[in-house]
Protein backbone atom coordinates (compact mmCIF):
# COMPACT_ATOMS: atom_id res chain seq x y z
CA MET A 1 -16.82 -8.43 -0.87
CA ASN A 2 -15.13 -9.90 -3.94
CA VAL A 3 -14.84 -6.42 -5.51
CA PHE A 4 -13.12 -5.11 -2.36
CA LEU A 5 -10.65 -8.00 -2.40
CA SER A 6 -9.93 -7.49 -6.10
CA ILE A 7 -9.28 -3.77 -5.65
CA ALA A 8 -7.05 -4.45 -2.65
CA GLN A 9 -5.11 -7.03 -4.65
CA ILE A 10 -4.60 -4.60 -7.53
CA LEU A 11 -3.34 -1.91 -5.15
CA LEU A 12 -0.96 -4.38 -3.48
CA GLY A 13 0.28 -5.48 -6.91
CA VAL A 14 1.05 -1.90 -7.92
CA ALA A 15 2.79 -1.29 -4.58
CA LEU A 16 4.84 -4.47 -5.05
CA ILE A 17 5.94 -3.44 -8.54
CA ALA A 18 6.88 0.03 -7.28
CA GLY A 19 8.85 -1.43 -4.38
CA VAL A 20 10.86 -3.72 -6.63
CA LEU A 21 11.58 -0.95 -9.14
CA LEU A 22 12.65 1.49 -6.42
CA GLN A 23 15.17 -1.00 -5.07
CA SER A 24 17.10 -1.15 -8.34
CA ARG A 25 17.07 2.62 -8.83
CA GLY A 26 20.68 3.18 -7.78
CA GLU A 27 22.22 0.38 -9.84
CA GLU A 28 23.46 0.35 -13.40
CA LEU A 29 21.29 -1.00 -16.18
CA GLY A 30 23.12 -4.34 -16.09
CA GLY A 31 22.33 -4.66 -12.39
CA VAL A 32 18.60 -4.43 -13.07
CA PHE A 33 18.73 -7.59 -15.18
CA GLY A 34 21.27 -9.42 -13.03
CA GLY A 35 24.29 -8.96 -15.28
CA ALA A 36 26.47 -6.79 -13.07
CA GLN A 37 29.07 -8.18 -10.70
CA SER A 38 29.01 -6.31 -7.41
CA VAL A 39 30.36 -6.66 -3.91
CA TYR A 40 27.86 -7.69 -1.24
CA GLN A 41 26.88 -4.75 0.96
CA THR A 42 24.69 -4.66 4.04
CA ARG A 43 21.41 -2.84 3.59
CA ARG A 44 21.13 0.19 5.82
CA GLY A 45 18.67 2.99 6.42
CA VAL A 46 16.08 3.57 3.73
CA ASP A 47 17.30 0.61 1.65
CA ARG A 48 16.60 -1.78 4.52
CA VAL A 49 13.15 -0.29 5.19
CA LEU A 50 12.25 -0.48 1.49
CA PHE A 51 13.50 -4.08 1.32
CA THR A 52 11.43 -5.07 4.38
CA LEU A 53 8.31 -3.30 3.09
CA THR A 54 8.67 -5.04 -0.27
CA ILE A 55 8.81 -8.44 1.42
CA LEU A 56 5.79 -7.63 3.59
CA THR A 57 3.87 -6.37 0.55
CA ALA A 58 4.67 -9.57 -1.35
CA ILE A 59 3.47 -11.72 1.56
CA ALA A 60 0.26 -9.69 1.84
CA PHE A 61 -0.30 -9.90 -1.93
CA PHE A 62 0.02 -13.68 -2.05
CA ALA A 63 -2.06 -14.16 1.10
CA LEU A 64 -4.81 -11.98 -0.36
CA ALA A 65 -4.61 -13.88 -3.65
CA ILE A 66 -5.14 -17.18 -1.82
CA VAL A 67 -8.05 -15.75 0.19
CA ASN A 68 -9.57 -14.34 -2.98
CA VAL A 69 -9.36 -17.71 -4.75
CA LEU A 70 -10.79 -19.61 -1.79
CA LEU A 71 -13.72 -17.22 -1.41
CA PHE A 72 -14.40 -17.11 -5.14
CA ASN A 73 -14.47 -20.93 -5.39
CA ALA A 74 -16.79 -21.19 -2.37
CA GLN A 75 -19.54 -19.24 -4.12
């Protein structure tokens, strides 16, 4: 069971990294590190879906991390 949770957590971690990197794909290099000044724009279409999926992946990753710690400490 612990191996399954660890593999699932690794896969969620990779998906989370990919989601974050894909969001900054269209920005300049300064925007990746927070240095660019830009006008606020509403997220639409694919950007909004990717943003929502990244948030859901982050929530699932941290929830699985907590479950993994609780189950590992119970043994």
